[in-house]
Amino acid sequence: MIVGYDSQKQIVGLYEDLVVRLDAHRPRGKIDVVNGKSTPTVVISVPDGLGTYRYTVTDYRGRVMRRGVTRLSRGLHEFEVPVSGILALEQGAGR
């Protein structure tokens, strides 16, 4: 797993079946998880409730597969993300 971030966004490259743990000290307003694994599941661990997020799942060509709104409460959250696809999360939905 590789993690990069700036003051606005966190990007995670996931290359094995690991849980993505969100760190309270890194930006959480926008989070992208690139699924570089051979399985279509991404699991995120949330240490504290983060509230509501809009999400978009795209395939390797950038085609939108699914959009929605989710509440990232404390605990584990599983998303179906195609191999080589991206899960893009953006905080603030429904405000």
PDB file of N, CA and C in Angstrom:
ATOM      1  N   MET A   1       0.849  -1.158   0.000  1.00  0.00           N
ATOM      2  CA  MET A   1       0.000   0.000   0.000  1.00  0.00           C
ATOM      3  C   MET A   1       0.902   1.229   0.000  1.00  0.00           C
ATOM      4  N   ILE A   2       0.523   2.196  -0.851  1.00  0.00           N
ATOM      5  CA  ILE A   2       1.253   3.464  -0.931  1.00  0.00           C
ATOM      6  C   ILE A   2       0.257   4.578  -0.650  1.00  0.00           C
ATOM      7  N   VAL A   3       0.661   5.546   0.187  1.00  0.00           N
ATOM      8  CA  VAL A   3      -0.224   6.652   0.537  1.00  0.00           C
ATOM      9  C   VAL A   3       0.488   7.969   0.240  1.00  0.00           C
ATOM     10  N   GLY A   4      -0.209   8.860  -0.443  1.00  0.00           N
ATOM     11  CA  GLY A   4       0.294  10.202  -0.693  1.00  0.00           C
ATOM     12  C   GLY A   4      -0.800  11.191  -0.353  1.00  0.00           C
ATOM     13  N   TYR A   5      -0.422  12.373   0.084  1.00  0.00           N
ATOM     14  CA  TYR A   5      -1.438  13.355   0.447  1.00  0.00           C
ATOM     15  C   TYR A   5      -0.865  14.766   0.433  1.00  0.00           C
ATOM     16  N   ASP A   6      -1.786  15.728   0.309  1.00  0.00           N
ATOM     17  CA  ASP A   6      -1.460  17.132   0.517  1.00  0.00           C
ATOM     18  C   ASP A   6      -2.517  17.679   1.474  1.00  0.00           C
ATOM     19  N   SER A   7      -2.680  18.975   1.553  1.00  0.00           N
ATOM     20  CA  SER A   7      -3.611  19.545   2.528  1.00  0.00           C
ATOM     21  C   SER A   7      -5.074  19.297   2.188  1.00  0.00           C
ATOM     22  N   GLN A   8      -5.371  18.893   0.954  1.00  0.00           N
ATOM     23  CA  GLN A   8      -6.750  18.727   0.517  1.00  0.00           C
ATOM     24  C   GLN A   8      -7.172  17.283   0.280  1.00  0.00           C
ATOM     25  N   LYS A   9      -6.224  16.426  -0.109  1.00  0.00           N
ATOM     26  CA  LYS A   9      -6.604  15.108  -0.612  1.00  0.00           C
ATOM     27  C   LYS A   9      -5.608  14.038  -0.183  1.00  0.00           C
ATOM     28  N   GLN A  10      -6.141  12.836  -0.001  1.00  0.00           N
ATOM     29  CA  GLN A  10      -5.323  11.667   0.288  1.00  0.00           C
ATOM     30  C   GLN A  10      -5.540  10.648  -0.837  1.00  0.00           C
ATOM     31  N   ILE A  11      -4.459  10.079  -1.345  1.00  0.00           N
ATOM     32  CA  ILE A  11      -4.540   9.065  -2.394  1.00  0.00           C
ATOM     33  C   ILE A  11      -3.853   7.808  -1.884  1.00  0.00           C
ATOM     34  N   VAL A  12      -4.568   6.683  -2.005  1.00  0.00           N
ATOM     35  CA  VAL A  12      -4.044   5.402  -1.534  1.00  0.00           C
ATOM     36  C   VAL A  12      -3.962   4.453  -2.722  1.00  0.00           C
ATOM     37  N   GLY A  13      -2.798   3.870  -2.937  1.00  0.00           N
ATOM     38  CA  GLY A  13      -2.629   2.811  -3.936  1.00  0.00           C
ATOM     39  C   GLY A  13      -2.612   1.485  -3.211  1.00  0.00           C
ATOM     40  N   LEU A  14      -3.594   0.656  -3.494  1.00  0.00           N
ATOM     41  CA  LEU A  14      -3.755  -0.613  -2.784  1.00  0.00           C
ATOM     42  C   LEU A  14      -3.340  -1.744  -3.718  1.00  0.00           C
ATOM     43  N   TYR A  15      -2.322  -2.508  -3.329  1.00  0.00           N
ATOM     44  CA  TYR A  15      -1.762  -3.538  -4.202  1.00  0.00           C
ATOM     45  C   TYR A  15      -1.865  -4.949  -3.643  1.00  0.00           C
ATOM     46  N   GLU A  16      -2.413  -5.105  -2.427  1.00  0.00           N
ATOM     47  CA  GLU A  16      -2.700  -6.412  -1.847  1.00  0.00           C
ATOM     48  C   GLU A  16      -3.985  -6.291  -1.050  1.00  0.00           C
ATOM     49  N   ASP A  17      -4.528  -7.424  -0.627  1.00  0.00           N
ATOM     50  CA  ASP A  17      -5.763  -7.409   0.154  1.00  0.00           C
ATOM     51  C   ASP A  17      -5.473  -6.942   1.580  1.00  0.00           C
ATOM     52  N   LEU A  18      -5.377  -5.645   1.738  1.00  0.00           N
ATOM     53  CA  LEU A  18      -5.156  -5.013   3.036  1.00  0.00           C
ATOM     54  C   LEU A  18      -6.318  -4.081   3.336  1.00  0.00           C
ATOM     55  N   VAL A  19      -6.479  -3.736   4.597  1.00  0.00           N
ATOM     56  CA  VAL A  19      -7.490  -2.767   5.006  1.00  0.00           C
ATOM     57  C   VAL A  19      -6.861  -1.377   4.951  1.00  0.00           C
ATOM     58  N   VAL A  20      -7.551  -0.440   4.313  1.00  0.00           N
ATOM     59  CA  VAL A  20      -7.088   0.947   4.252  1.00  0.00           C
ATOM     60  C   VAL A  20      -7.504   1.622   5.555  1.00  0.00           C
ATOM     61  N   ARG A  21      -6.527   1.980   6.376  1.00  0.00           N
ATOM     62  CA  ARG A  21      -6.814   2.636   7.648  1.00  0.00           C
ATOM     63  C   ARG A  21      -6.672   4.145   7.464  1.00  0.00           C
ATOM     64  N   LEU A  22      -7.764   4.845   7.700  1.00  0.00           N
ATOM     65  CA  LEU A  22      -7.717   6.301   7.590  1.00  0.00           C
ATOM     66  C   LEU A  22      -7.069   6.865   8.833  1.00  0.00           C
ATOM     67  N   ASP A  23      -6.083   7.705   8.639  1.00  0.00           N
ATOM     68  CA  ASP A  23      -5.295   8.304   9.711  1.00  0.00           C
ATOM     69  C   ASP A  23      -5.888   9.657  10.057  1.00  0.00           C
ATOM     70  N   ALA A  24      -6.108   9.900  11.338  1.00  0.00           N
ATOM     71  CA  ALA A  24      -6.695  11.167  11.795  1.00  0.00           C
ATOM     72  C   ALA A  24      -5.801  12.366  11.481  1.00  0.00           C
ATOM     73  N   HIS A  25      -4.533  12.137  11.228  1.00  0.00           N
ATOM     74  CA  HIS A  25      -3.594  13.233  10.975  1.00  0.00           C
ATOM     75  C   HIS A  25      -3.413  13.538   9.494  1.00  0.00           C
ATOM     76  N   ARG A  26      -4.129  12.836   8.630  1.00  0.00           N
ATOM     77  CA  ARG A  26      -4.047  13.092   7.192  1.00  0.00           C
ATOM     78  C   ARG A  26      -5.376  13.665   6.717  1.00  0.00           C
ATOM     79  N   PRO A  27      -5.372  14.389   5.609  1.00  0.00           N
ATOM     80  CA  PRO A  27      -6.613  14.974   5.097  1.00  0.00           C
ATOM     81  C   PRO A  27      -7.650  13.903   4.795  1.00  0.00           C
ATOM     82  N   ARG A  28      -8.910  14.221   5.121  1.00  0.00           N
ATOM     83  CA  ARG A  28      -9.977  13.259   4.874  1.00  0.00           C
ATOM     84  C   ARG A  28     -11.138  13.879   4.115  1.00  0.00           C
ATOM     85  N   GLY A  29     -10.960  15.085   3.609  1.00  0.00           N
ATOM     86  CA  GLY A  29     -12.025  15.725   2.838  1.00  0.00           C
ATOM     87  C   GLY A  29     -12.242  15.038   1.503  1.00  0.00           C
ATOM     88  N   LYS A  30     -11.150  14.658   0.845  1.00  0.00           N
ATOM     89  CA  LYS A  30     -11.195  13.916  -0.415  1.00  0.00           C
ATOM     90  C   LYS A  30     -10.214  12.753  -0.304  1.00  0.00           C
ATOM     91  N   ILE A  31     -10.713  11.568  -0.622  1.00  0.00           N
ATOM     92  CA  ILE A  31      -9.895  10.355  -0.526  1.00  0.00           C
ATOM     93  C   ILE A  31     -10.102   9.540  -1.795  1.00  0.00           C
ATOM     94  N   ASP A  32      -9.011   9.202  -2.467  1.00  0.00           N
ATOM     95  CA  ASP A  32      -9.070   8.299  -3.621  1.00  0.00           C
ATOM     96  C   ASP A  32      -8.334   7.022  -3.260  1.00  0.00           C
ATOM     97  N   VAL A  33      -8.964   5.880  -3.561  1.00  0.00           N
ATOM     98  CA  VAL A  33      -8.313   4.579  -3.369  1.00  0.00           C
ATOM     99  C   VAL A  33      -8.237   3.908  -4.733  1.00  0.00           C
ATOM    100  N   VAL A  34      -7.014   3.649  -5.192  1.00  0.00           N
ATOM    101  CA  VAL A  34      -6.781   2.975  -6.461  1.00  0.00           C
ATOM    102  C   VAL A  34      -6.672   1.486  -6.169  1.00  0.00           C
ATOM    103  N   ASN A  35      -7.544   0.691  -6.776  1.00  0.00           N
ATOM    104  CA  ASN A  35      -7.540  -0.750  -6.534  1.00  0.00           C
ATOM    105  C   ASN A  35      -6.587  -1.434  -7.509  1.00  0.00           C
ATOM    106  N   GLY A  36      -5.334  -1.572  -7.108  1.00  0.00           N
ATOM    107  CA  GLY A  36      -4.331  -2.235  -7.925  1.00  0.00           C
ATOM    108  C   GLY A  36      -4.216  -3.723  -7.614  1.00  0.00           C
ATOM    109  N   LYS A  37      -5.208  -4.267  -6.909  1.00  0.00           N
ATOM    110  CA  LYS A  37      -5.206  -5.682  -6.530  1.00  0.00           C
ATOM    111  C   LYS A  37      -5.898  -6.517  -7.605  1.00  0.00           C
ATOM    112  N   SER A  38      -5.900  -7.817  -7.395  1.00  0.00           N
ATOM    113  CA  SER A  38      -6.580  -8.704  -8.352  1.00  0.00           C
ATOM    114  C   SER A  38      -7.986  -9.065  -7.891  1.00  0.00           C
ATOM    115  N   THR A  39      -8.459  -8.443  -6.813  1.00  0.00           N
ATOM    116  CA  THR A  39      -9.806  -8.690  -6.297  1.00  0.00           C
ATOM    117  C   THR A  39     -10.604  -7.389  -6.279  1.00  0.00           C
ATOM    118  N   PRO A  40     -11.928  -7.460  -6.457  1.00  0.00           N
ATOM    119  CA  PRO A  40     -12.736  -6.243  -6.608  1.00  0.00           C
ATOM    120  C   PRO A  40     -13.341  -5.687  -5.316  1.00  0.00           C
ATOM    121  N   THR A  41     -12.637  -5.806  -4.206  1.00  0.00           N
ATOM    122  CA  THR A  41     -13.162  -5.306  -2.937  1.00  0.00           C
ATOM    123  C   THR A  41     -12.137  -4.395  -2.270  1.00  0.00           C
ATOM    124  N   VAL A  42     -12.605  -3.253  -1.773  1.00  0.00           N
ATOM    125  CA  VAL A  42     -11.773  -2.330  -0.997  1.00  0.00           C
ATOM    126  C   VAL A  42     -12.434  -2.182   0.366  1.00  0.00           C
ATOM    127  N   VAL A  43     -11.651  -2.364   1.436  1.00  0.00           N
ATOM    128  CA  VAL A  43     -12.164  -2.221   2.795  1.00  0.00           C
ATOM    129  C   VAL A  43     -11.445  -1.053   3.455  1.00  0.00           C
ATOM    130  N   ILE A  44     -12.243  -0.149   4.035  1.00  0.00           N
ATOM    131  CA  ILE A  44     -11.704   1.034   4.712  1.00  0.00           C
ATOM    132  C   ILE A  44     -12.038   0.942   6.187  1.00  0.00           C
ATOM    133  N   SER A  45     -11.043   1.223   7.038  1.00  0.00           N
ATOM    134  CA  SER A  45     -11.234   1.269   8.483  1.00  0.00           C
ATOM    135  C   SER A  45     -11.271   2.728   8.918  1.00  0.00           C
ATOM    136  N   VAL A  46     -12.358   3.102   9.581  1.00  0.00           N
ATOM    137  CA  VAL A  46     -12.556   4.487  10.026  1.00  0.00           C
ATOM    138  C   VAL A  46     -12.409   4.523  11.547  1.00  0.00           C
ATOM    139  N   PRO A  47     -11.419   5.290  12.071  1.00  0.00           N
ATOM    140  CA  PRO A  47     -11.196   5.317  13.518  1.00  0.00           C
ATOM    141  C   PRO A  47     -12.279   6.082  14.285  1.00  0.00           C
ATOM    142  N   ASP A  48     -12.790   7.128  13.707  1.00  0.00           N
ATOM    143  CA  ASP A  48     -13.841   7.950  14.306  1.00  0.00           C
ATOM    144  C   ASP A  48     -14.868   8.216  13.227  1.00  0.00           C
ATOM    145  N   GLY A  49     -16.092   8.466  13.627  1.00  0.00           N
ATOM    146  CA  GLY A  49     -17.105   8.787  12.632  1.00  0.00           C
ATOM    147  C   GLY A  49     -16.704  10.011  11.824  1.00  0.00           C
ATOM    148  N   LEU A  50     -16.780   9.916  10.504  1.00  0.00           N
ATOM    149  CA  LEU A  50     -16.368  11.023   9.630  1.00  0.00           C
ATOM    150  C   LEU A  50     -17.555  11.732   8.996  1.00  0.00           C
ATOM    151  N   GLY A  51     -18.732  11.181   9.132  1.00  0.00           N
ATOM    152  CA  GLY A  51     -19.892  11.818   8.536  1.00  0.00           C
ATOM    153  C   GLY A  51     -20.211  11.279   7.157  1.00  0.00           C
ATOM    154  N   THR A  52     -20.901  12.110   6.395  1.00  0.00           N
ATOM    155  CA  THR A  52     -21.422  11.691   5.100  1.00  0.00           C
ATOM    156  C   THR A  52     -20.453  12.038   3.975  1.00  0.00           C
ATOM    157  N   TYR A  53     -20.305  11.097   3.041  1.00  0.00           N
ATOM    158  CA  TYR A  53     -19.428  11.265   1.881  1.00  0.00           C
ATOM    159  C   TYR A  53     -20.177  10.894   0.611  1.00  0.00           C
ATOM    160  N   ARG A  54     -19.905  11.618  -0.452  1.00  0.00           N
ATOM    161  CA  ARG A  54     -20.312  11.191  -1.793  1.00  0.00           C
ATOM    162  C   ARG A  54     -19.223  10.253  -2.285  1.00  0.00           C
ATOM    163  N   TYR A  55     -19.618   9.236  -3.035  1.00  0.00           N
ATOM    164  CA  TYR A  55     -18.593   8.351  -3.608  1.00  0.00           C
ATOM    165  C   TYR A  55     -18.886   8.101  -5.083  1.00  0.00           C
ATOM    166  N   THR A  56     -17.800   7.881  -5.806  1.00  0.00           N
ATOM    167  CA  THR A  56     -17.864   7.513  -7.216  1.00  0.00           C
ATOM    168  C   THR A  56     -16.885   6.365  -7.424  1.00  0.00           C
ATOM    169  N   VAL A  57     -17.355   5.318  -8.086  1.00  0.00           N
ATOM    170  CA  VAL A  57     -16.499   4.188  -8.433  1.00  0.00           C
ATOM    171  C   VAL A  57     -16.333   4.201  -9.941  1.00  0.00           C
ATOM    172  N   THR A  58     -15.078   4.200 -10.403  1.00  0.00           N
ATOM    173  CA  THR A  58     -14.801   4.178 -11.837  1.00  0.00           C
ATOM    174  C   THR A  58     -13.963   2.945 -12.175  1.00  0.00           C
ATOM    175  N   ASP A  59     -14.060   2.523 -13.438  1.00  0.00           N
ATOM    176  CA  ASP A  59     -13.235   1.403 -13.880  1.00  0.00           C
ATOM    177  C   ASP A  59     -11.884   1.938 -14.365  1.00  0.00           C
ATOM    178  N   TYR A  60     -11.078   1.052 -14.917  1.00  0.00           N
ATOM    179  CA  TYR A  60      -9.717   1.440 -15.338  1.00  0.00           C
ATOM    180  C   TYR A  60      -9.713   2.429 -16.497  1.00  0.00           C
ATOM    181  N   ARG A  61     -10.836   2.580 -17.179  1.00  0.00           N
ATOM    182  CA  ARG A  61     -10.927   3.534 -18.286  1.00  0.00           C
ATOM    183  C   ARG A  61     -11.556   4.855 -17.853  1.00  0.00           C
ATOM    184  N   GLY A  62     -11.903   4.945 -16.585  1.00  0.00           N
ATOM    185  CA  GLY A  62     -12.525   6.165 -16.074  1.00  0.00           C
ATOM    186  C   GLY A  62     -14.033   6.212 -16.232  1.00  0.00           C
ATOM    187  N   ARG A  63     -14.619   5.118 -16.685  1.00  0.00           N
ATOM    188  CA  ARG A  63     -16.078   5.060 -16.822  1.00  0.00           C
ATOM    189  C   ARG A  63     -16.704   4.913 -15.440  1.00  0.00           C
ATOM    190  N   VAL A  64     -17.730   5.711 -15.178  1.00  0.00           N
ATOM    191  CA  VAL A  64     -18.405   5.656 -13.885  1.00  0.00           C
ATOM    192  C   VAL A  64     -19.233   4.377 -13.807  1.00  0.00           C
ATOM    193  N   MET A  65     -18.949   3.583 -12.802  1.00  0.00           N
ATOM    194  CA  MET A  65     -19.668   2.331 -12.574  1.00  0.00           C
ATOM    195  C   MET A  65     -20.819   2.539 -11.583  1.00  0.00           C
ATOM    196  N   ARG A  66     -20.574   3.442 -10.618  1.00  0.00           N
ATOM    197  CA  ARG A  66     -21.557   3.645  -9.560  1.00  0.00           C
ATOM    198  C   ARG A  66     -21.274   4.949  -8.839  1.00  0.00           C
ATOM    199  N   ARG A  67     -22.335   5.604  -8.391  1.00  0.00           N
ATOM    200  CA  ARG A  67     -22.244   6.811  -7.555  1.00  0.00           C
ATOM    201  C   ARG A  67     -23.216   6.642  -6.404  1.00  0.00           C
ATOM    202  N   GLY A  68     -22.938   7.323  -5.326  1.00  0.00           N
ATOM    203  CA  GLY A  68     -23.860   7.253  -4.206  1.00  0.00           C
ATOM    204  C   GLY A  68     -23.397   8.107  -3.051  1.00  0.00           C
ATOM    205  N   VAL A  69     -24.078   7.925  -1.947  1.00  0.00           N
ATOM    206  CA  VAL A  69     -23.757   8.627  -0.704  1.00  0.00           C
ATOM    207  C   VAL A  69     -23.635   7.562   0.369  1.00  0.00           C
ATOM    208  N   THR A  70     -22.636   7.703   1.232  1.00  0.00           N
ATOM    209  CA  THR A  70     -22.432   6.755   2.319  1.00  0.00           C
ATOM    210  C   THR A  70     -22.075   7.506   3.585  1.00  0.00           C
ATOM    211  N   ARG A  71     -22.381   6.914   4.703  1.00  0.00           N
ATOM    212  CA  ARG A  71     -22.005   7.483   5.998  1.00  0.00           C
ATOM    213  C   ARG A  71     -20.822   6.674   6.521  1.00  0.00           C
ATOM    214  N   LEU A  72     -19.696   7.348   6.718  1.00  0.00           N
ATOM    215  CA  LEU A  72     -18.503   6.673   7.230  1.00  0.00           C
ATOM    216  C   LEU A  72     -18.478   6.779   8.749  1.00  0.00           C
ATOM    217  N   SER A  73     -19.191   5.867   9.383  1.00  0.00           N
ATOM    218  CA  SER A  73     -19.185   5.773  10.840  1.00  0.00           C
ATOM    219  C   SER A  73     -17.952   4.975  11.268  1.00  0.00           C
ATOM    220  N   ARG A  74     -17.686   4.945  12.546  1.00  0.00           N
ATOM    221  CA  ARG A  74     -16.539   4.208  13.062  1.00  0.00           C
ATOM    222  C   ARG A  74     -16.672   2.734  12.703  1.00  0.00           C
ATOM    223  N   GLY A  75     -15.588   2.139  12.224  1.00  0.00           N
ATOM    224  CA  GLY A  75     -15.599   0.718  11.901  1.00  0.00           C
ATOM    225  C   GLY A  75     -15.127   0.442  10.487  1.00  0.00           C
ATOM    226  N   LEU A  76     -15.494  -0.731   9.972  1.00  0.00           N
ATOM    227  CA  LEU A  76     -15.072  -1.164   8.644  1.00  0.00           C
ATOM    228  C   LEU A  76     -16.170  -0.906   7.620  1.00  0.00           C
ATOM    229  N   HIS A  77     -15.751  -0.481   6.421  1.00  0.00           N
ATOM    230  CA  HIS A  77     -16.673  -0.207   5.322  1.00  0.00           C
ATOM    231  C   HIS A  77     -16.122  -0.870   4.065  1.00  0.00           C
ATOM    232  N   GLU A  78     -16.958  -1.669   3.407  1.00  0.00           N
ATOM    233  CA  GLU A  78     -16.532  -2.419   2.230  1.00  0.00           C
ATOM    234  C   GLU A  78     -17.174  -1.830   0.977  1.00  0.00           C
ATOM    235  N   PHE A  79     -16.366  -1.653  -0.063  1.00  0.00           N
ATOM    236  CA  PHE A  79     -16.828  -1.125  -1.339  1.00  0.00           C
ATOM    237  C   PHE A  79     -16.414  -2.086  -2.446  1.00  0.00           C
ATOM    238  N   GLU A  80     -17.282  -2.272  -3.421  1.00  0.00           N
ATOM    239  CA  GLU A  80     -16.941  -3.044  -4.613  1.00  0.00           C
ATOM    240  C   GLU A  80     -16.305  -2.079  -5.611  1.00  0.00           C
ATOM    241  N   VAL A  81     -15.041  -2.314  -5.927  1.00  0.00           N
ATOM    242  CA  VAL A  81     -14.282  -1.469  -6.851  1.00  0.00           C
ATOM    243  C   VAL A  81     -13.608  -2.398  -7.847  1.00  0.00           C
ATOM    244  N   PRO A  82     -13.846  -2.211  -9.151  1.00  0.00           N
ATOM    245  CA  PRO A  82     -13.234  -3.126 -10.109  1.00  0.00           C
ATOM    246  C   PRO A  82     -11.709  -3.098 -10.046  1.00  0.00           C
ATOM    247  N   VAL A  83     -11.099  -4.197 -10.456  1.00  0.00           N
ATOM    248  CA  VAL A  83      -9.645  -4.265 -10.526  1.00  0.00           C
ATOM    249  C   VAL A  83      -9.155  -3.108 -11.399  1.00  0.00           C
ATOM    250  N   SER A  84      -8.164  -2.394 -10.913  1.00  0.00           N
ATOM    251  CA  SER A  84      -7.590  -1.207 -11.557  1.00  0.00           C
ATOM    252  C   SER A  84      -8.552  -0.021 -11.566  1.00  0.00           C
ATOM    253  N   GLY A  85      -9.619  -0.108 -10.796  1.00  0.00           N
ATOM    254  CA  GLY A  85     -10.576   0.989 -10.691  1.00  0.00           C
ATOM    255  C   GLY A  85     -10.240   1.912  -9.527  1.00  0.00           C
ATOM    256  N   ILE A  86     -11.049   2.946  -9.382  1.00  0.00           N
ATOM    257  CA  ILE A  86     -10.829   3.948  -8.331  1.00  0.00           C
ATOM    258  C   ILE A  86     -12.116   4.170  -7.552  1.00  0.00           C
ATOM    259  N   LEU A  87     -11.971   4.247  -6.234  1.00  0.00           N
ATOM    260  CA  LEU A  87     -13.031   4.691  -5.343  1.00  0.00           C
ATOM    261  C   LEU A  87     -12.681   6.114  -4.941  1.00  0.00           C
ATOM    262  N   ALA A  88     -13.510   7.073  -5.312  1.00  0.00           N
ATOM    263  CA  ALA A  88     -13.297   8.480  -4.963  1.00  0.00           C
ATOM    264  C   ALA A  88     -14.348   8.883  -3.933  1.00  0.00           C
ATOM    265  N   LEU A  89     -13.891   9.325  -2.774  1.00  0.00           N
ATOM    266  CA  LEU A  89     -14.771   9.766  -1.691  1.00  0.00           C
ATOM    267  C   LEU A  89     -14.602  11.265  -1.495  1.00  0.00           C
ATOM    268  N   GLU A  90     -15.715  11.975  -1.315  1.00  0.00           N
ATOM    269  CA  GLU A  90     -15.650  13.415  -1.063  1.00  0.00           C
ATOM    270  C   GLU A  90     -16.599  13.764   0.069  1.00  0.00           C
ATOM    271  N   GLN A  91     -16.052  14.369   1.098  1.00  0.00           N
ATOM    272  CA  GLN A  91     -16.813  14.711   2.297  1.00  0.00           C
ATOM    273  C   GLN A  91     -17.799  15.836   2.019  1.00  0.00           C
ATOM    274  N   GLY A  92     -18.888  15.811   2.756  1.00  0.00           N
ATOM    275  CA  GLY A  92     -19.790  16.941   2.739  1.00  0.00           C
ATOM    276  C   GLY A  92     -21.111  16.717   2.056  1.00  0.00           C
ATOM    277  N   ALA A  93     -21.421  15.538   1.622  1.00  0.00           N
ATOM    278  CA  ALA A  93     -22.711  15.278   0.970  1.00  0.00           C
ATOM    279  C   ALA A  93     -23.824  15.504   1.956  1.00  0.00           C
ATOM    280  N   GLY A  94     -24.893  16.133   1.505  1.00  0.00           N
ATOM    281  CA  GLY A  94     -26.069  16.306   2.330  1.00  0.00           C
ATOM    282  C   GLY A  94     -25.981  17.442   3.324  1.00  0.00           C
ATOM    283  N   ARG A  95     -24.971  18.274   3.226  1.00  0.00           N
ATOM    284  CA  ARG A  95     -24.859  19.409   4.154  1.00  0.00           C
ATOM    285  C   ARG A  95     -25.652  20.570   3.674  1.00  0.00           C
TER     286      ARG A  95
END
